[in-house]
Amino acid sequence: MFSARDEILARIRAIDRPSAAPIPRDYERTRTVADPLDLLDERVADYKAIVHRVTEAEVPDSIGECLARRSVSTVAVPADVPPRWRVPSVTWVPDDPPLPLGELDTVDGVLTGCAVAIAETGTIVLDAGVAQGRRILSLVPDYHLCVVRADQVSVSVPEALARLEPGRPLTFISGPSATSDIELDRVEGVHGPRTLEVLIVG
């Protein structure tokens, strides 16, 4: 005897579907801008994130300065971030073994790298790869400090998507988490960190 669910699925399977037509992909896939890092800086800042341009040698000191400026003393971190990022005077809380939600909710912030950054949209993409950790790391703490290398920056969305594996858990970040109520009052920190700070290295 079929259940209602079985009956519905059987009807769906019985539908005579035409073969899918090829999808035209003749849109513009690449773009050229004078300075992709300048454009990323401008667009990330447009989303009310805090942006710093630093050299590779300045990364550790800049991380320390960002954390000190906000009085951040406990920081969750993926287990595989570069050791030089773990500056002294901060209590680092590695996500290994995975931190329970209750413990993650008590840290002051999180430090991650990224997979790709999109200059035109000011979007940072995490895919749980090296120095990024689980998606929950970038969603629960109230402060997110993200390091973006110059070689991770793509100008356009199609260029960025071509560098990503669609099967990975992708998180697209365009500024601090924000939403608005029916009266259009902006509220930050509802679905993720209230503050996003980005170090663009290059």
C-alpha atoms as a PDB file:
ATOM      1  CA  MET A   1       0.000   0.000   0.000  1.00  0.00           C
ATOM      2  CA  PHE A   2       1.414   3.341  -1.110  1.00  0.00           C
ATOM      3  CA  SER A   3       1.727   6.229   1.280  1.00  0.00           C
ATOM      4  CA  ALA A   4       0.861   9.745   0.109  1.00  0.00           C
ATOM      5  CA  ARG A   5       4.596  10.451  -0.181  1.00  0.00           C
ATOM      6  CA  ASP A   6       5.140   7.399  -2.405  1.00  0.00           C
ATOM      7  CA  GLU A   7       2.228   8.417  -4.612  1.00  0.00           C
ATOM      8  CA  ILE A   8       3.536  11.945  -5.072  1.00  0.00           C
ATOM      9  CA  LEU A   9       7.056  10.739  -5.885  1.00  0.00           C
ATOM     10  CA  ALA A  10       5.681   8.198  -8.349  1.00  0.00           C
ATOM     11  CA  ARG A  11       3.755  10.927 -10.164  1.00  0.00           C
ATOM     12  CA  ILE A  12       6.872  13.115 -10.354  1.00  0.00           C
ATOM     13  CA  ARG A  13       8.950  10.252 -11.746  1.00  0.00           C
ATOM     14  CA  ALA A  14       6.281   9.518 -14.365  1.00  0.00           C
ATOM     15  CA  ILE A  15       6.404  13.010 -15.848  1.00  0.00           C
ATOM     16  CA  ASP A  16       7.735  12.982 -19.396  1.00  0.00           C
ATOM     17  CA  ARG A  17      10.487  15.564 -19.211  1.00  0.00           C
ATOM     18  CA  PRO A  18      12.121  16.882 -22.377  1.00  0.00           C
ATOM     19  CA  SER A  19      15.888  16.669 -22.454  1.00  0.00           C
ATOM     20  CA  ALA A  20      17.496  19.765 -21.046  1.00  0.00           C
ATOM     21  CA  ALA A  21      18.534  22.345 -23.606  1.00  0.00           C
ATOM     22  CA  PRO A  22      22.143  23.487 -23.393  1.00  0.00           C
ATOM     23  CA  ILE A  23      22.571  26.602 -21.303  1.00  0.00           C
ATOM     24  CA  PRO A  24      24.192  29.456 -23.226  1.00  0.00           C
ATOM     25  CA  ARG A  25      27.249  30.770 -21.433  1.00  0.00           C
ATOM     26  CA  ASP A  26      28.168  33.591 -23.769  1.00  0.00           C
ATOM     27  CA  TYR A  27      28.221  36.214 -21.036  1.00  0.00           C
ATOM     28  CA  GLU A  28      31.346  38.123 -20.142  1.00  0.00           C
ATOM     29  CA  ARG A  29      33.457  35.947 -17.834  1.00  0.00           C
ATOM     30  CA  THR A  30      36.554  38.036 -17.251  1.00  0.00           C
ATOM     31  CA  ARG A  31      37.131  41.699 -16.623  1.00  0.00           C
ATOM     32  CA  THR A  32      40.174  43.884 -16.339  1.00  0.00           C
ATOM     33  CA  VAL A  33      40.553  46.710 -13.850  1.00  0.00           C
ATOM     34  CA  ALA A  34      43.541  48.906 -13.139  1.00  0.00           C
ATOM     35  CA  ASP A  35      44.037  47.560  -9.608  1.00  0.00           C
ATOM     36  CA  PRO A  36      41.893  44.651  -8.370  1.00  0.00           C
ATOM     37  CA  LEU A  37      43.118  45.138  -4.797  1.00  0.00           C
ATOM     38  CA  ASP A  38      42.062  48.790  -4.773  1.00  0.00           C
ATOM     39  CA  LEU A  39      38.644  47.829  -6.107  1.00  0.00           C
ATOM     40  CA  LEU A  40      38.264  45.087  -3.478  1.00  0.00           C
ATOM     41  CA  ASP A  41      39.298  47.536  -0.752  1.00  0.00           C
ATOM     42  CA  GLU A  42      36.685  50.049  -1.917  1.00  0.00           C
ATOM     43  CA  ARG A  43      33.849  47.538  -2.285  1.00  0.00           C
ATOM     44  CA  VAL A  44      34.503  45.728   1.018  1.00  0.00           C
ATOM     45  CA  ALA A  45      34.517  49.110   2.786  1.00  0.00           C
ATOM     46  CA  ASP A  46      31.200  49.972   1.079  1.00  0.00           C
ATOM     47  CA  TYR A  47      29.672  47.114   3.097  1.00  0.00           C
ATOM     48  CA  LYS A  48      30.774  48.771   6.360  1.00  0.00           C
ATOM     49  CA  ALA A  49      33.644  46.366   6.906  1.00  0.00           C
ATOM     50  CA  ILE A  50      37.005  47.636   8.175  1.00  0.00           C
ATOM     51  CA  VAL A  51      39.779  47.188   5.602  1.00  0.00           C
ATOM     52  CA  HIS A  52      43.573  47.396   5.917  1.00  0.00           C
ATOM     53  CA  ARG A  53      46.175  47.070   3.159  1.00  0.00           C
ATOM     54  CA  VAL A  54      49.292  45.314   4.449  1.00  0.00           C
ATOM     55  CA  THR A  55      52.391  43.556   3.171  1.00  0.00           C
ATOM     56  CA  GLU A  56      53.100  39.898   3.879  1.00  0.00           C
ATOM     57  CA  ALA A  57      55.710  40.894   6.468  1.00  0.00           C
ATOM     58  CA  GLU A  58      53.186  43.133   8.257  1.00  0.00           C
ATOM     59  CA  VAL A  59      50.489  40.457   8.677  1.00  0.00           C
ATOM     60  CA  PRO A  60      51.363  39.276  12.229  1.00  0.00           C
ATOM     61  CA  ASP A  61      51.738  42.814  13.618  1.00  0.00           C
ATOM     62  CA  SER A  62      48.533  43.908  11.868  1.00  0.00           C
ATOM     63  CA  ILE A  63      46.625  40.967  13.350  1.00  0.00           C
ATOM     64  CA  GLY A  64      47.893  41.911  16.802  1.00  0.00           C
ATOM     65  CA  GLU A  65      46.949  45.567  16.308  1.00  0.00           C
ATOM     66  CA  CYS A  66      43.446  44.734  15.066  1.00  0.00           C
ATOM     67  CA  LEU A  67      42.764  42.443  18.029  1.00  0.00           C
ATOM     68  CA  ALA A  68      44.243  44.869  20.568  1.00  0.00           C
ATOM     69  CA  ARG A  69      42.264  47.808  19.179  1.00  0.00           C
ATOM     70  CA  ARG A  70      39.026  45.933  19.805  1.00  0.00           C
ATOM     71  CA  SER A  71      40.203  44.430  23.130  1.00  0.00           C
ATOM     72  CA  VAL A  72      39.782  40.947  21.679  1.00  0.00           C
ATOM     73  CA  SER A  73      41.507  38.494  24.012  1.00  0.00           C
ATOM     74  CA  THR A  74      40.124  35.043  23.072  1.00  0.00           C
ATOM     75  CA  VAL A  75      40.059  34.065  19.416  1.00  0.00           C
ATOM     76  CA  ALA A  76      38.763  30.888  17.777  1.00  0.00           C
ATOM     77  CA  VAL A  77      40.976  29.762  14.947  1.00  0.00           C
ATOM     78  CA  PRO A  78      41.077  26.900  12.438  1.00  0.00           C
ATOM     79  CA  ALA A  79      43.756  24.419  13.443  1.00  0.00           C
ATOM     80  CA  ASP A  80      45.714  24.936  10.216  1.00  0.00           C
ATOM     81  CA  VAL A  81      46.169  28.722  10.171  1.00  0.00           C
ATOM     82  CA  PRO A  82      49.799  29.767   9.701  1.00  0.00           C
ATOM     83  CA  PRO A  83      51.569  29.702  13.090  1.00  0.00           C
ATOM     84  CA  ARG A  84      52.865  33.257  12.558  1.00  0.00           C
ATOM     85  CA  TRP A  85      49.250  34.527  12.616  1.00  0.00           C
ATOM     86  CA  ARG A  86      48.865  33.374  16.237  1.00  0.00           C
ATOM     87  CA  VAL A  87      50.396  36.448  17.802  1.00  0.00           C
ATOM     88  CA  PRO A  88      51.219  36.577  21.526  1.00  0.00           C
ATOM     89  CA  SER A  89      49.044  38.261  24.158  1.00  0.00           C
ATOM     90  CA  VAL A  90      45.944  36.537  22.767  1.00  0.00           C
ATOM     91  CA  THR A  91      44.362  33.297  23.944  1.00  0.00           C
ATOM     92  CA  TRP A  92      44.009  31.164  20.838  1.00  0.00           C
ATOM     93  CA  VAL A  93      41.235  28.573  20.848  1.00  0.00           C
ATOM     94  CA  PRO A  94      41.917  26.050  18.051  1.00  0.00           C
ATOM     95  CA  ASP A  95      38.922  24.308  16.533  1.00  0.00           C
ATOM     96  CA  ASP A  96      40.548  20.905  17.014  1.00  0.00           C
ATOM     97  CA  PRO A  97      38.721  18.903  18.193  1.00  0.00           C
ATOM     98  CA  PRO A  98      35.671  20.839  16.950  1.00  0.00           C
ATOM     99  CA  LEU A  99      34.525  23.371  19.530  1.00  0.00           C
ATOM    100  CA  PRO A 100      31.034  22.885  20.943  1.00  0.00           C
ATOM    101  CA  LEU A 101      28.609  25.686  20.104  1.00  0.00           C
ATOM    102  CA  GLY A 102      28.473  26.854  23.724  1.00  0.00           C
ATOM    103  CA  GLU A 103      32.253  27.307  23.861  1.00  0.00           C
ATOM    104  CA  LEU A 104      32.410  28.953  20.455  1.00  0.00           C
ATOM    105  CA  ASP A 105      29.782  31.421  21.606  1.00  0.00           C
ATOM    106  CA  THR A 106      32.058  32.606  24.451  1.00  0.00           C
ATOM    107  CA  VAL A 107      35.074  33.651  22.347  1.00  0.00           C
ATOM    108  CA  ASP A 108      35.577  37.302  21.390  1.00  0.00           C
ATOM    109  CA  GLY A 109      36.228  36.648  17.726  1.00  0.00           C
ATOM    110  CA  VAL A 110      37.552  34.406  14.973  1.00  0.00           C
ATOM    111  CA  LEU A 111      40.533  34.652  12.628  1.00  0.00           C
ATOM    112  CA  THR A 112      40.426  32.968   9.201  1.00  0.00           C
ATOM    113  CA  GLY A 113      41.850  33.081   5.741  1.00  0.00           C
ATOM    114  CA  CYS A 114      39.654  32.765   2.657  1.00  0.00           C
ATOM    115  CA  ALA A 115      39.315  30.795  -0.578  1.00  0.00           C
ATOM    116  CA  VAL A 116      38.530  33.651  -2.980  1.00  0.00           C
ATOM    117  CA  ALA A 117      37.655  37.338  -2.816  1.00  0.00           C
ATOM    118  CA  ILE A 118      35.609  39.072  -5.534  1.00  0.00           C
ATOM    119  CA  ALA A 119      36.756  42.623  -6.223  1.00  0.00           C
ATOM    120  CA  GLU A 120      33.662  43.843  -8.103  1.00  0.00           C
ATOM    121  CA  THR A 121      31.230  42.812  -5.384  1.00  0.00           C
ATOM    122  CA  GLY A 122      33.425  43.115  -2.285  1.00  0.00           C
ATOM    123  CA  THR A 123      32.581  39.518  -1.431  1.00  0.00           C
ATOM    124  CA  ILE A 124      34.815  37.105   0.455  1.00  0.00           C
ATOM    125  CA  VAL A 125      34.238  33.386  -0.078  1.00  0.00           C
ATOM    126  CA  LEU A 126      35.147  30.655   2.404  1.00  0.00           C
ATOM    127  CA  ASP A 127      35.054  26.981   1.397  1.00  0.00           C
ATOM    128  CA  ALA A 128      36.274  25.241   4.571  1.00  0.00           C
ATOM    129  CA  GLY A 129      39.714  24.901   2.997  1.00  0.00           C
ATOM    130  CA  VAL A 130      43.117  25.780   4.439  1.00  0.00           C
ATOM    131  CA  ALA A 131      42.994  28.377   7.244  1.00  0.00           C
ATOM    132  CA  GLN A 132      39.190  28.680   6.991  1.00  0.00           C
ATOM    133  CA  GLY A 133      37.754  25.942   9.183  1.00  0.00           C
ATOM    134  CA  ARG A 134      34.116  24.986   9.534  1.00  0.00           C
ATOM    135  CA  ARG A 135      31.353  27.354   8.411  1.00  0.00           C
ATOM    136  CA  ILE A 136      30.157  27.758  12.005  1.00  0.00           C
ATOM    137  CA  LEU A 137      33.457  29.449  12.932  1.00  0.00           C
ATOM    138  CA  SER A 138      32.656  32.469  10.770  1.00  0.00           C
ATOM    139  CA  LEU A 139      29.014  32.676  11.867  1.00  0.00           C
ATOM    140  CA  VAL A 140      28.924  32.459  15.667  1.00  0.00           C
ATOM    141  CA  PRO A 141      31.597  34.865  17.022  1.00  0.00           C
ATOM    142  CA  ASP A 142      30.656  38.545  16.975  1.00  0.00           C
ATOM    143  CA  TYR A 143      33.944  39.621  15.343  1.00  0.00           C
ATOM    144  CA  HIS A 144      35.596  38.138  12.248  1.00  0.00           C
ATOM    145  CA  LEU A 145      39.128  39.046  11.166  1.00  0.00           C
ATOM    146  CA  CYS A 146      39.859  37.694   7.682  1.00  0.00           C
ATOM    147  CA  VAL A 147      43.180  37.618   5.828  1.00  0.00           C
ATOM    148  CA  VAL A 148      42.938  37.871   2.015  1.00  0.00           C
ATOM    149  CA  ARG A 149      46.029  37.329  -0.126  1.00  0.00           C
ATOM    150  CA  ALA A 150      46.467  39.139  -3.446  1.00  0.00           C
ATOM    151  CA  ASP A 151      46.553  35.845  -5.377  1.00  0.00           C
ATOM    152  CA  GLN A 152      43.093  34.974  -4.007  1.00  0.00           C
ATOM    153  CA  VAL A 153      41.433  38.035  -5.561  1.00  0.00           C
ATOM    154  CA  SER A 154      39.328  37.670  -8.713  1.00  0.00           C
ATOM    155  CA  VAL A 155      37.817  40.682 -10.437  1.00  0.00           C
ATOM    156  CA  SER A 156      34.431  39.250 -11.450  1.00  0.00           C
ATOM    157  CA  VAL A 157      31.952  36.727 -10.088  1.00  0.00           C
ATOM    158  CA  PRO A 158      32.387  34.257 -13.009  1.00  0.00           C
ATOM    159  CA  GLU A 159      36.164  34.291 -12.514  1.00  0.00           C
ATOM    160  CA  ALA A 160      35.749  33.596  -8.809  1.00  0.00           C
ATOM    161  CA  LEU A 161      33.228  30.800  -9.332  1.00  0.00           C
ATOM    162  CA  ALA A 162      35.576  29.097 -11.782  1.00  0.00           C
ATOM    163  CA  ARG A 163      38.138  28.840  -8.976  1.00  0.00           C
ATOM    164  CA  LEU A 164      35.722  27.251  -6.510  1.00  0.00           C
ATOM    165  CA  GLU A 165      34.595  23.653  -6.169  1.00  0.00           C
ATOM    166  CA  PRO A 166      30.773  23.652  -6.076  1.00  0.00           C
ATOM    167  CA  GLY A 167      30.727  20.530  -3.901  1.00  0.00           C
ATOM    168  CA  ARG A 168      32.442  22.298  -1.023  1.00  0.00           C
ATOM    169  CA  PRO A 169      30.521  24.197   1.711  1.00  0.00           C
ATOM    170  CA  LEU A 170      30.685  27.743   0.319  1.00  0.00           C
ATOM    171  CA  THR A 171      30.065  30.781   2.511  1.00  0.00           C
ATOM    172  CA  PHE A 172      29.772  34.166   0.757  1.00  0.00           C
ATOM    173  CA  ILE A 173      30.492  37.137   3.005  1.00  0.00           C
ATOM    174  CA  SER A 174      29.643  40.676   1.901  1.00  0.00           C
ATOM    175  CA  GLY A 175      30.321  42.814   4.948  1.00  0.00           C
ATOM    176  CA  PRO A 176      29.165  42.253   8.517  1.00  0.00           C
ATOM    177  CA  SER A 177      25.967  40.303   9.031  1.00  0.00           C
ATOM    178  CA  ALA A 178      23.025  42.676   8.694  1.00  0.00           C
ATOM    179  CA  THR A 179      19.298  42.707   8.141  1.00  0.00           C
ATOM    180  CA  SER A 180      16.497  45.231   8.461  1.00  0.00           C
ATOM    181  CA  ASP A 181      13.027  45.150   9.931  1.00  0.00           C
ATOM    182  CA  ILE A 182       9.784  46.218   8.258  1.00  0.00           C
ATOM    183  CA  GLU A 183      10.641  49.885   8.925  1.00  0.00           C
ATOM    184  CA  LEU A 184      14.046  49.390   7.234  1.00  0.00           C
ATOM    185  CA  ASP A 185      15.997  49.901  10.454  1.00  0.00           C
ATOM    186  CA  ARG A 186      19.351  48.182   9.912  1.00  0.00           C
ATOM    187  CA  VAL A 187      20.309  45.618  12.552  1.00  0.00           C
ATOM    188  CA  GLU A 188      23.785  44.077  12.511  1.00  0.00           C
ATOM    189  CA  GLY A 189      24.991  40.799  13.938  1.00  0.00           C
ATOM    190  CA  VAL A 190      21.761  38.828  13.515  1.00  0.00           C
ATOM    191  CA  HIS A 191      22.960  35.994  11.277  1.00  0.00           C
ATOM    192  CA  GLY A 192      26.711  36.273  11.798  1.00  0.00           C
ATOM    193  CA  PRO A 193      29.431  38.599  13.072  1.00  0.00           C
ATOM    194  CA  ARG A 194      28.520  42.202  13.833  1.00  0.00           C
ATOM    195  CA  THR A 195      32.022  43.327  12.826  1.00  0.00           C
ATOM    196  CA  LEU A 196      34.104  42.202   9.828  1.00  0.00           C
ATOM    197  CA  GLU A 197      37.717  43.331   9.562  1.00  0.00           C
ATOM    198  CA  VAL A 198      39.778  42.425   6.492  1.00  0.00           C
ATOM    199  CA  LEU A 199      43.524  42.432   5.894  1.00  0.00           C
ATOM    200  CA  ILE A 200      44.287  42.616   2.174  1.00  0.00           C
ATOM    201  CA  VAL A 201      47.832  41.325   1.729  1.00  0.00           C
ATOM    202  CA  GLY A 202      49.705  42.609  -1.294  1.00  0.00           C
END
